[in-house]
C-alpha atoms as a PDB file:
ATOM      1  CA  MET A   1      95.209  91.358 107.704  1.00  0.00           C
ATOM      2  CA  VAL A   2      95.691  92.087 103.935  1.00  0.00           C
ATOM      3  CA  TYR A   3      94.028  89.426 101.707  1.00  0.00           C
ATOM      4  CA  GLY A   4      94.869  88.411  98.392  1.00  0.00           C
ATOM      5  CA  VAL A   5      98.242  86.782  97.213  1.00  0.00           C
ATOM      6  CA  LYS A   6     100.900  89.071  95.672  1.00  0.00           C
ATOM      7  CA  TYR A   7     104.222  87.961  94.008  1.00  0.00           C
ATOM      8  CA  GLY A   8     107.393  89.405  94.499  1.00  0.00           C
ATOM      9  CA  THR A   9     110.821  87.954  93.262  1.00  0.00           C
ATOM     10  CA  THR A  10     114.701  89.231  93.228  1.00  0.00           C
ATOM     11  CA  LEU A  11     117.583  90.267  90.892  1.00  0.00           C
ATOM     12  CA  LEU A  12     119.963  87.400  91.784  1.00  0.00           C
ATOM     13  CA  GLY A  13     121.731  86.889  88.645  1.00  0.00           C
ATOM     14  CA  VAL A  14     120.661  90.064  87.023  1.00  0.00           C
ATOM     15  CA  SER A  15     123.797  92.202  86.139  1.00  0.00           C
ATOM     16  CA  LEU A  16     123.613  95.251  87.606  1.00  0.00           C
ATOM     17  CA  ARG A  17     123.636  97.268  84.131  1.00  0.00           C
ATOM     18  CA  ASP A  18     120.383  95.239  83.492  1.00  0.00           C
ATOM     19  CA  TYR A  19     118.266  95.929  86.247  1.00  0.00           C
ATOM     20  CA  PRO A  20     116.511  98.983  85.505  1.00  0.00           C
ATOM     21  CA  GLN A  21     115.082  97.124  82.443  1.00  0.00           C
ATOM     22  CA  VAL A  22     114.548  93.842  83.970  1.00  0.00           C
ATOM     23  CA  ALA A  23     112.683  95.750  86.582  1.00  0.00           C
ATOM     24  CA  SER A  24     110.309  97.239  84.366  1.00  0.00           C
ATOM     25  CA  LEU A  25     109.292  94.034  82.643  1.00  0.00           C
ATOM     26  CA  LEU A  26     108.672  92.563  86.237  1.00  0.00           C
ATOM     27  CA  GLU A  27     105.971  95.596  87.044  1.00  0.00           C
ATOM     28  CA  GLN A  28     104.875  94.789  83.342  1.00  0.00           C
ATOM     29  CA  CYS A  29     104.345  91.112  84.213  1.00  0.00           C
ATOM     30  CA  GLY A  30     102.299  91.521  87.375  1.00  0.00           C
ATOM     31  CA  PHE A  31     104.875  91.176  90.209  1.00  0.00           C
ATOM     32  CA  GLU A  32     104.008  93.478  92.850  1.00  0.00           C
ATOM     33  CA  SER A  33     107.515  93.684  94.374  1.00  0.00           C
ATOM     34  CA  ILE A  34     111.367  93.554  94.308  1.00  0.00           C
ATOM     35  CA  TRP A  35     113.400  92.095  97.367  1.00  0.00           C
ATOM     36  CA  LEU A  36     117.118  92.858  97.516  1.00  0.00           C
ATOM     37  CA  PRO A  37     119.716  91.023 100.173  1.00  0.00           C
ATOM     38  CA  GLU A  38     121.935  92.712 101.987  1.00  0.00           C
ATOM     39  CA  HIS A  39     125.264  92.103 103.592  1.00  0.00           C
ATOM     40  CA  LEU A  40     127.874  94.547 104.636  1.00  0.00           C
ATOM     41  CA  VAL A  41     130.872  92.357 104.020  1.00  0.00           C
ATOM     42  CA  PHE A  42     131.984  88.863 104.336  1.00  0.00           C
ATOM     43  CA  PRO A  43     134.937  87.197 105.946  1.00  0.00           C
ATOM     44  CA  ALA A  44     137.916  86.149 103.672  1.00  0.00           C
ATOM     45  CA  SER A  45     136.847  82.677 104.891  1.00  0.00           C
ATOM     46  CA  MET A  46     132.891  82.204 105.617  1.00  0.00           C
ATOM     47  CA  PRO A  47     132.265  80.309 108.747  1.00  0.00           C
ATOM     48  CA  ALA A  48     129.580  77.351 108.568  1.00  0.00           C
ATOM     49  CA  THR A  49     127.214  79.243 111.186  1.00  0.00           C
ATOM     50  CA  TYR A  50     124.390  79.951 108.731  1.00  0.00           C
ATOM     51  CA  PRO A  51     121.457  78.683 110.179  1.00  0.00           C
ATOM     52  CA  TYR A  52     119.047  77.869 107.200  1.00  0.00           C
ATOM     53  CA  SER A  53     121.360  74.963 105.591  1.00  0.00           C
ATOM     54  CA  GLU A  54     122.283  71.664 106.825  1.00  0.00           C
ATOM     55  CA  THR A  55     126.057  72.333 106.277  1.00  0.00           C
ATOM     56  CA  GLY A  56     126.072  75.840 108.036  1.00  0.00           C
ATOM     57  CA  LEU A  57     126.749  77.285 104.879  1.00  0.00           C
ATOM     58  CA  PRO A  58     125.036  80.320 103.198  1.00  0.00           C
ATOM     59  CA  PRO A  59     124.072  80.205  99.544  1.00  0.00           C
ATOM     60  CA  VAL A  60     126.498  82.984  98.862  1.00  0.00           C
ATOM     61  CA  THR A  61     130.616  83.186  98.769  1.00  0.00           C
ATOM     62  CA  SER A  62     132.984  85.768 100.231  1.00  0.00           C
ATOM     63  CA  ASP A  63     133.658  86.378  96.510  1.00  0.00           C
ATOM     64  CA  SER A  64     129.857  87.224  96.187  1.00  0.00           C
ATOM     65  CA  PRO A  65     129.585  90.556  95.230  1.00  0.00           C
ATOM     66  CA  THR A  66     127.268  92.814  97.393  1.00  0.00           C
ATOM     67  CA  TYR A  67     125.549  96.533  97.222  1.00  0.00           C
ATOM     68  CA  ASP A  68     124.188  99.153  99.362  1.00  0.00           C
ATOM     69  CA  PRO A  69     120.035  98.263  98.791  1.00  0.00           C
ATOM     70  CA  TRP A  70     119.135 101.565  99.419  1.00  0.00           C
ATOM     71  CA  VAL A  71     121.376 103.158  96.232  1.00  0.00           C
ATOM     72  CA  LEU A  72     119.930 100.052  94.636  1.00  0.00           C
ATOM     73  CA  CYS A  73     116.056 101.133  95.426  1.00  0.00           C
ATOM     74  CA  GLY A  74     116.581 104.698  94.216  1.00  0.00           C
ATOM     75  CA  TYR A  75     118.123 103.408  91.281  1.00  0.00           C
ATOM     76  CA  LEU A  76     114.946 100.781  90.643  1.00  0.00           C
ATOM     77  CA  ALA A  77     112.248 103.529  91.492  1.00  0.00           C
ATOM     78  CA  ALA A  78     113.583 105.660  88.704  1.00  0.00           C
ATOM     79  CA  ALA A  79     112.955 102.886  86.106  1.00  0.00           C
ATOM     80  CA  THR A  80     109.646 101.697  87.700  1.00  0.00           C
ATOM     81  CA  GLU A  81     106.329 103.276  88.356  1.00  0.00           C
ATOM     82  CA  ARG A  82     104.387 100.868  90.612  1.00  0.00           C
ATOM     83  CA  ILE A  83     106.306  97.438  91.735  1.00  0.00           C
ATOM     84  CA  ARG A  84     107.294  98.215  95.449  1.00  0.00           C
ATOM     85  CA  LEU A  85     111.079  97.376  96.818  1.00  0.00           C
ATOM     86  CA  GLY A  86     111.942  96.082  99.763  1.00  0.00           C
ATOM     87  CA  THR A  87     115.045  94.466 101.386  1.00  0.00           C
ATOM     88  CA  ASN A  88     114.994  90.757 102.396  1.00  0.00           C
ATOM     89  CA  ILE A  89     116.623  91.256 104.635  1.00  0.00           C
ATOM     90  CA  TYR A  90     118.606  94.416 106.113  1.00  0.00           C
ATOM     91  CA  ILE A  91     120.400  93.687 108.968  1.00  0.00           C
ATOM     92  CA  LEU A  92     119.320  96.372 111.253  1.00  0.00           C
ATOM     93  CA  PRO A  93     121.575  96.347 114.203  1.00  0.00           C
ATOM     94  CA  LEU A  94     124.517  97.199 112.215  1.00  0.00           C
ATOM     95  CA  ARG A  95     122.987 100.684 111.697  1.00  0.00           C
ATOM     96  CA  HIS A  96     122.059 103.530 113.959  1.00  0.00           C
ATOM     97  CA  PRO A  97     118.384 104.552 113.897  1.00  0.00           C
ATOM     98  CA  LEU A  98     119.267 107.865 112.646  1.00  0.00           C
ATOM     99  CA  GLN A  99     121.276 106.376 109.225  1.00  0.00           C
ATOM    100  CA  THR A 100     118.644 103.657 108.744  1.00  0.00           C
ATOM    101  CA  ALA A 101     115.743 106.302 108.981  1.00  0.00           C
ATOM    102  CA  ARG A 102     117.412 108.618 106.367  1.00  0.00           C
ATOM    103  CA  SER A 103     118.370 106.119 103.719  1.00  0.00           C
ATOM    104  CA  VAL A 104     114.888 104.413 103.718  1.00  0.00           C
ATOM    105  CA  VAL A 105     112.820 107.941 104.265  1.00  0.00           C
ATOM    106  CA  THR A 106     115.092 108.944 100.876  1.00  0.00           C
ATOM    107  CA  VAL A 107     113.760 105.952  98.853  1.00  0.00           C
ATOM    108  CA  ASP A 108     110.152 106.411  99.946  1.00  0.00           C
ATOM    109  CA  ARG A 109     110.172 110.147  98.654  1.00  0.00           C
ATOM    110  CA  VAL A 110     112.049 109.337  95.225  1.00  0.00           C
ATOM    111  CA  SER A 111     109.896 106.220  94.752  1.00  0.00           C
ATOM    112  CA  GLY A 112     106.536 108.102  95.623  1.00  0.00           C
ATOM    113  CA  GLY A 113     106.138 105.725  98.612  1.00  0.00           C
ATOM    114  CA  ARG A 114     107.211 102.188  97.392  1.00  0.00           C
ATOM    115  CA  VAL A 115     109.507 101.311  99.543  1.00  0.00           C
ATOM    116  CA  THR A 116     109.267  98.299 102.340  1.00  0.00           C
ATOM    117  CA  LEU A 117     112.146  97.803 105.172  1.00  0.00           C
ATOM    118  CA  GLY A 118     112.553  94.186 105.825  1.00  0.00           C
ATOM    119  CA  VAL A 119     114.723  93.464 108.293  1.00  0.00           C
ATOM    120  CA  GLY A 120     116.663  90.985 110.513  1.00  0.00           C
ATOM    121  CA  VAL A 121     119.120  90.514 113.262  1.00  0.00           C
ATOM    122  CA  GLY A 122     121.829  88.870 111.467  1.00  0.00           C
ATOM    123  CA  TRP A 123     123.563  85.615 111.755  1.00  0.00           C
ATOM    124  CA  LEU A 124     127.057  86.531 110.988  1.00  0.00           C
ATOM    125  CA  ALA A 125     128.830  87.513 113.918  1.00  0.00           C
ATOM    126  CA  GLU A 126     132.346  88.657 111.839  1.00  0.00           C
ATOM    127  CA  GLU A 127     129.995  91.791 110.564  1.00  0.00           C
ATOM    128  CA  PHE A 128     129.679  92.767 114.094  1.00  0.00           C
ATOM    129  CA  GLU A 129     133.084  92.399 115.267  1.00  0.00           C
ATOM    130  CA  TYR A 130     134.246  94.225 112.535  1.00  0.00           C
ATOM    131  CA  LEU A 131     132.123  97.224 113.401  1.00  0.00           C
ATOM    132  CA  GLY A 132     132.875  96.862 116.942  1.00  0.00           C
ATOM    133  CA  LEU A 133     129.437  95.634 117.796  1.00  0.00           C
ATOM    134  CA  SER A 134     128.180  92.938 120.148  1.00  0.00           C
ATOM    135  CA  PHE A 135     127.010  90.379 118.049  1.00  0.00           C
ATOM    136  CA  GLY A 136     124.851  88.766 121.641  1.00  0.00           C
ATOM    137  CA  ASP A 137     122.613  91.710 122.142  1.00  0.00           C
ATOM    138  CA  ARG A 138     121.656  92.154 118.328  1.00  0.00           C
ATOM    139  CA  GLY A 139     118.130  90.998 119.211  1.00  0.00           C
ATOM    140  CA  ARG A 140     117.598  93.936 121.980  1.00  0.00           C
ATOM    141  CA  ARG A 141     119.358  96.533 119.849  1.00  0.00           C
ATOM    142  CA  THR A 142     116.863  95.721 116.957  1.00  0.00           C
ATOM    143  CA  ASP A 143     114.080  96.269 119.227  1.00  0.00           C
ATOM    144  CA  ALA A 144     115.343  99.536 120.162  1.00  0.00           C
ATOM    145  CA  THR A 145     115.933 100.728 116.930  1.00  0.00           C
ATOM    146  CA  ILE A 146     112.709  99.776 115.072  1.00  0.00           C
ATOM    147  CA  THR A 147     110.964 101.973 117.880  1.00  0.00           C
ATOM    148  CA  ALA A 148     113.430 104.717 117.177  1.00  0.00           C
ATOM    149  CA  VAL A 149     112.784 104.997 113.477  1.00  0.00           C
ATOM    150  CA  ARG A 150     109.063 105.175 113.722  1.00  0.00           C
ATOM    151  CA  ARG A 151     109.261 107.723 116.253  1.00  0.00           C
ATOM    152  CA  LEU A 152     111.952 109.548 113.648  1.00  0.00           C
ATOM    153  CA  TRP A 153     109.239 109.109 111.043  1.00  0.00           C
ATOM    154  CA  SER A 154     106.200 110.188 112.822  1.00  0.00           C
ATOM    155  CA  GLU A 155     106.869 112.707 115.617  1.00  0.00           C
ATOM    156  CA  GLU A 156     107.664 116.287 115.547  1.00  0.00           C
ATOM    157  CA  VAL A 157     110.522 116.339 118.082  1.00  0.00           C
ATOM    158  CA  VAL A 158     112.418 113.236 118.787  1.00  0.00           C
ATOM    159  CA  GLU A 159     114.680 112.257 122.124  1.00  0.00           C
ATOM    160  CA  VAL A 160     115.960 108.746 122.384  1.00  0.00           C
ATOM    161  CA  HIS A 161     118.114 107.626 125.954  1.00  0.00           C
ATOM    162  CA  ASP A 162     118.297 103.847 125.999  1.00  0.00           C
ATOM    163  CA  ASP A 163     120.538 101.067 126.490  1.00  0.00           C
ATOM    164  CA  PHE A 164     121.817 101.443 122.703  1.00  0.00           C
ATOM    165  CA  PHE A 165     121.428 105.167 121.685  1.00  0.00           C
ATOM    166  CA  ASP A 166     121.592 108.484 123.028  1.00  0.00           C
ATOM    167  CA  PHE A 167     120.854 111.465 120.853  1.00  0.00           C
ATOM    168  CA  GLY A 168     118.393 114.221 120.721  1.00  0.00           C
ATOM    169  CA  PRO A 169     116.283 116.307 120.923  1.00  0.00           C
ATOM    170  CA  VAL A 170     116.194 116.169 117.358  1.00  0.00           C
ATOM    171  CA  LYS A 171     113.715 117.177 114.186  1.00  0.00           C
ATOM    172  CA  PHE A 172     113.554 114.540 111.167  1.00  0.00           C
ATOM    173  CA  TYR A 173     112.215 115.654 107.685  1.00  0.00           C
ATOM    174  CA  PRO A 174     111.192 114.750 105.684  1.00  0.00           C
ATOM    175  CA  LYS A 175     108.564 112.366 106.782  1.00  0.00           C
ATOM    176  CA  PRO A 176     107.310 109.176 104.551  1.00  0.00           C
ATOM    177  CA  LEU A 177     104.991 109.703 101.835  1.00  0.00           C
ATOM    178  CA  GLN A 178     103.195 106.489 103.286  1.00  0.00           C
ATOM    179  CA  ARG A 179     101.142 108.399 106.036  1.00  0.00           C
ATOM    180  CA  THR A 180     100.729 104.939 107.759  1.00  0.00           C
ATOM    181  CA  GLY A 181     104.560 104.641 108.386  1.00  0.00           C
ATOM    182  CA  ILE A 182     106.842 102.690 105.967  1.00  0.00           C
ATOM    183  CA  PRO A 183     106.301  99.179 106.561  1.00  0.00           C
ATOM    184  CA  ILE A 184     108.853  97.319 108.686  1.00  0.00           C
ATOM    185  CA  GLU A 185     108.878  93.699 107.818  1.00  0.00           C
ATOM    186  CA  ILE A 186     110.601  91.459 110.064  1.00  0.00           C
ATOM    187  CA  GLY A 187     112.622  87.960 108.996  1.00  0.00           C
ATOM    188  CA  GLY A 188     113.546  84.881 110.744  1.00  0.00           C
ATOM    189  CA  SER A 189     112.268  81.498 111.835  1.00  0.00           C
ATOM    190  CA  SER A 190     113.852  81.596 115.464  1.00  0.00           C
ATOM    191  CA  THR A 191     110.998  82.011 118.339  1.00  0.00           C
ATOM    192  CA  PRO A 192     112.698  85.298 119.212  1.00  0.00           C
ATOM    193  CA  ALA A 193     112.456  86.316 115.309  1.00  0.00           C
ATOM    194  CA  LEU A 194     108.860  85.007 115.068  1.00  0.00           C
ATOM    195  CA  ARG A 195     107.394  86.661 118.328  1.00  0.00           C
ATOM    196  CA  ARG A 196     109.616  90.120 117.425  1.00  0.00           C
ATOM    197  CA  ALA A 197     107.577  89.838 114.194  1.00  0.00           C
ATOM    198  CA  GLY A 198     104.403  89.581 115.871  1.00  0.00           C
ATOM    199  CA  ALA A 199     104.924  91.871 118.523  1.00  0.00           C
ATOM    200  CA  LEU A 200     106.605  94.541 116.571  1.00  0.00           C
ATOM    201  CA  GLY A 201     106.705  94.494 112.511  1.00  0.00           C
ATOM    202  CA  ASP A 202     104.090  95.108 109.876  1.00  0.00           C
ATOM    203  CA  GLY A 203     104.480  91.744 108.526  1.00  0.00           C
ATOM    204  CA  TRP A 204     106.792  88.759 108.918  1.00  0.00           C
ATOM    205  CA  ILE A 205     109.126  87.454 106.052  1.00  0.00           C
ATOM    206  CA  GLU A 206     109.575  83.662 106.343  1.00  0.00           C
ATOM    207  CA  VAL A 207     112.833  82.046 105.634  1.00  0.00           C
ATOM    208  CA  GLY A 208     114.201  78.333 106.502  1.00  0.00           C
ATOM    209  CA  CYS A 209     110.547  76.270 106.621  1.00  0.00           C
ATOM    210  CA  ARG A 210     110.762  72.785 105.856  1.00  0.00           C
ATOM    211  CA  ASP A 211     107.142  72.417 104.573  1.00  0.00           C
ATOM    212  CA  LEU A 212     103.781  74.078 104.512  1.00  0.00           C
ATOM    213  CA  ALA A 213     103.048  72.439 108.279  1.00  0.00           C
ATOM    214  CA  ASP A 214     106.453  73.900 109.457  1.00  0.00           C
ATOM    215  CA  PHE A 215     104.994  77.384 108.072  1.00  0.00           C
ATOM    216  CA  GLU A 216     101.962  77.205 110.011  1.00  0.00           C
ATOM    217  CA  SER A 217     103.385  76.389 113.151  1.00  0.00           C
ATOM    218  CA  LYS A 218     105.511  79.563 112.632  1.00  0.00           C
ATOM    219  CA  LEU A 219     103.347  81.588 111.945  1.00  0.00           C
ATOM    220  CA  ALA A 220     101.285  80.833 114.992  1.00  0.00           C
ATOM    221  CA  VAL A 221     104.087  81.641 117.033  1.00  0.00           C
ATOM    222  CA  VAL A 222     103.632  84.959 115.017  1.00  0.00           C
ATOM    223  CA  ASP A 223      99.988  85.336 115.107  1.00  0.00           C
ATOM    224  CA  ALA A 224      99.865  84.794 119.223  1.00  0.00           C
ATOM    225  CA  ALA A 225     102.633  87.584 119.739  1.00  0.00           C
ATOM    226  CA  ARG A 226     100.655  89.757 117.592  1.00  0.00           C
ATOM    227  CA  ARG A 227      97.492  89.092 119.723  1.00  0.00           C
ATOM    228  CA  GLU A 228      99.623  89.042 123.120  1.00  0.00           C
ATOM    229  CA  ALA A 229     100.870  92.672 121.740  1.00  0.00           C
ATOM    230  CA  GLY A 230      96.997  94.221 120.785  1.00  0.00           C
ATOM    231  CA  ARG A 231      97.968  94.670 117.401  1.00  0.00           C
ATOM    232  CA  THR A 232      95.332  94.471 115.319  1.00  0.00           C
ATOM    233  CA  GLY A 233      96.121  96.587 111.484  1.00  0.00           C
ATOM    234  CA  PRO A 234      97.312  95.121 108.665  1.00  0.00           C
ATOM    235  CA  PHE A 235      99.985  92.294 108.512  1.00  0.00           C
ATOM    236  CA  GLU A 236     101.964  91.265 105.491  1.00  0.00           C
ATOM    237  CA  VAL A 237     103.146  87.220 105.789  1.00  0.00           C
ATOM    238  CA  THR A 238     105.905  86.876 103.031  1.00  0.00           C
ATOM    239  CA  VAL A 239     106.860  83.417 101.973  1.00  0.00           C
ATOM    240  CA  SER A 240     109.367  81.806  99.693  1.00  0.00           C
ATOM    241  CA  ALA A 241     108.290  79.973  96.508  1.00  0.00           C
ATOM    242  CA  ALA A 242     110.287  76.951  97.578  1.00  0.00           C
ATOM    243  CA  LEU A 243     107.250  75.810  99.770  1.00  0.00           C
ATOM    244  CA  ALA A 244     104.868  75.774  96.375  1.00  0.00           C
ATOM    245  CA  ARG A 245     105.780  73.386  93.428  1.00  0.00           C
ATOM    246  CA  THR A 246     101.923  73.545  92.103  1.00  0.00           C
ATOM    247  CA  LEU A 247      99.012  75.687  91.716  1.00  0.00           C
ATOM    248  CA  ASP A 248      97.301  73.795  94.706  1.00  0.00           C
ATOM    249  CA  ASP A 249     100.215  74.655  96.750  1.00  0.00           C
ATOM    250  CA  TYR A 250     100.227  78.528  96.195  1.00  0.00           C
ATOM    251  CA  ARG A 251      96.809  78.212  97.155  1.00  0.00           C
ATOM    252  CA  ARG A 252      97.612  76.230 100.262  1.00  0.00           C
ATOM    253  CA  LEU A 253      99.543  79.000 101.402  1.00  0.00           C
ATOM    254  CA  GLU A 254      97.388  82.143 100.947  1.00  0.00           C
ATOM    255  CA  ASP A 255      94.681  79.467 102.988  1.00  0.00           C
ATOM    256  CA  ALA A 256      97.204  79.395 105.739  1.00  0.00           C
ATOM    257  CA  GLY A 257      98.213  82.681 105.646  1.00  0.00           C
ATOM    258  CA  ALA A 258     100.667  84.250 103.233  1.00  0.00           C
ATOM    259  CA  THR A 259      99.929  87.406 101.512  1.00  0.00           C
ATOM    260  CA  ARG A 260     102.989  87.430  99.208  1.00  0.00           C
ATOM    261  CA  VAL A 261     105.516  84.819  97.755  1.00  0.00           C
ATOM    262  CA  ILE A 262     108.781  85.636  96.666  1.00  0.00           C
ATOM    263  CA  ALA A 263     109.853  83.305  93.530  1.00  0.00           C
ATOM    264  CA  MET A 264     113.004  82.975  91.626  1.00  0.00           C
ATOM    265  CA  PRO A 265     113.458  81.706  88.211  1.00  0.00           C
ATOM    266  CA  ARG A 266     116.694  79.736  89.121  1.00  0.00           C
ATOM    267  CA  ALA A 267     119.001  78.718  92.305  1.00  0.00           C
ATOM    268  CA  MET A 268     120.972  81.300  93.524  1.00  0.00           C
ATOM    269  CA  GLY A 269     124.379  82.246  91.923  1.00  0.00           C
ATOM    270  CA  ALA A 270     123.018  81.442  88.139  1.00  0.00           C
ATOM    271  CA  ARG A 271     123.572  84.025  85.675  1.00  0.00           C
ATOM    272  CA  LEU A 272     120.398  85.470  84.253  1.00  0.00           C
ATOM    273  CA  SER A 273     119.965  87.271  80.891  1.00  0.00           C
ATOM    274  CA  PRO A 274     117.300  89.862  80.518  1.00  0.00           C
ATOM    275  CA  ALA A 275     115.713  87.691  77.797  1.00  0.00           C
ATOM    276  CA  GLU A 276     115.714  84.889  80.349  1.00  0.00           C
ATOM    277  CA  MET A 277     114.389  87.047  82.690  1.00  0.00           C
ATOM    278  CA  ALA A 278     111.656  88.049  80.526  1.00  0.00           C
ATOM    279  CA  ASP A 279     110.494  84.510  79.110  1.00  0.00           C
ATOM    280  CA  TRP A 280     110.440  82.954  83.459  1.00  0.00           C
ATOM    281  CA  ALA A 281     108.544  86.142  84.031  1.00  0.00           C
ATOM    282  CA  ASN A 282     106.202  86.010  81.529  1.00  0.00           C
ATOM    283  CA  ARG A 283     105.479  82.148  82.008  1.00  0.00           C
ATOM    284  CA  PHE A 284     105.331  82.713  85.542  1.00  0.00           C
ATOM    285  CA  SER A 285     102.663  85.542  85.336  1.00  0.00           C
ATOM    286  CA  GLU A 286     100.375  83.428  83.132  1.00  0.00           C
ATOM    287  CA  GLU A 287     100.925  79.946  84.899  1.00  0.00           C
ATOM    288  CA  VAL A 288     100.641  81.328  88.216  1.00  0.00           C
ATOM    289  CA  ILE A 289      99.980  85.176  88.886  1.00  0.00           C
ATOM    290  CA  THR A 290      97.001  85.088  86.397  1.00  0.00           C
ATOM    291  CA  ARG A 291      95.799  81.646  88.248  1.00  0.00           C
ATOM    292  CA  VAL A 292      95.797  81.572  92.118  1.00  0.00           C
END
């Protein structure tokens, strides 16, 4: 377990042209990481199938702009020196493991080993339909992809022949700069997602928890899966600042097992200038980061 809470944030609401400037100031204010969302495409009419809201509607619309997160990570890597760059979350089963392994290792290299692959199985069935992929087996395909990607990043010669992928033998270079491997954190709140995070992940990304008690009960499922799989290495637990309102709340999250909190300056969709982000980041640093 990694001890001591770290603080990350997103760039939602920031103009794309201001990303480098804002990322640099976040680094200066003591933020440990920046997390980028990801969707490949939205249907023209958004279905009410989002699992983390009472209405079933997501906090984005079909008109919301989306970008390739690995291009953005490279863009941010050039403007920063220390801050970690991650995805929250990348829809892993939409991609072949060769594609994912290549994109992520490239960011690892250009950033000097500062990338985290945050993944999930996805909730929007239409994205899978448009690519001719099955939505129902996306969990098993995610498991197979994680295994294949890790092998590509670590083994000399890789050959994969399973229910989803058929390739090799291949050689895959370069290997990651992060010699212990690029971290793969797994998001979700369903029991299969929690068990996947514990059994296969280097971390769990919390989403949709109602309160601290809900977070603790879900983390218990993750921890049980880790024990069952015999996994004892470093493990990150990334939670949303929506679960914290006071300094004591942040301390309770740490006591409950959180290692990272992702804070947002405003509700999703609000536009933010660099000056507004700087004001928020400085206040959050003074009021929370330096005091917890």
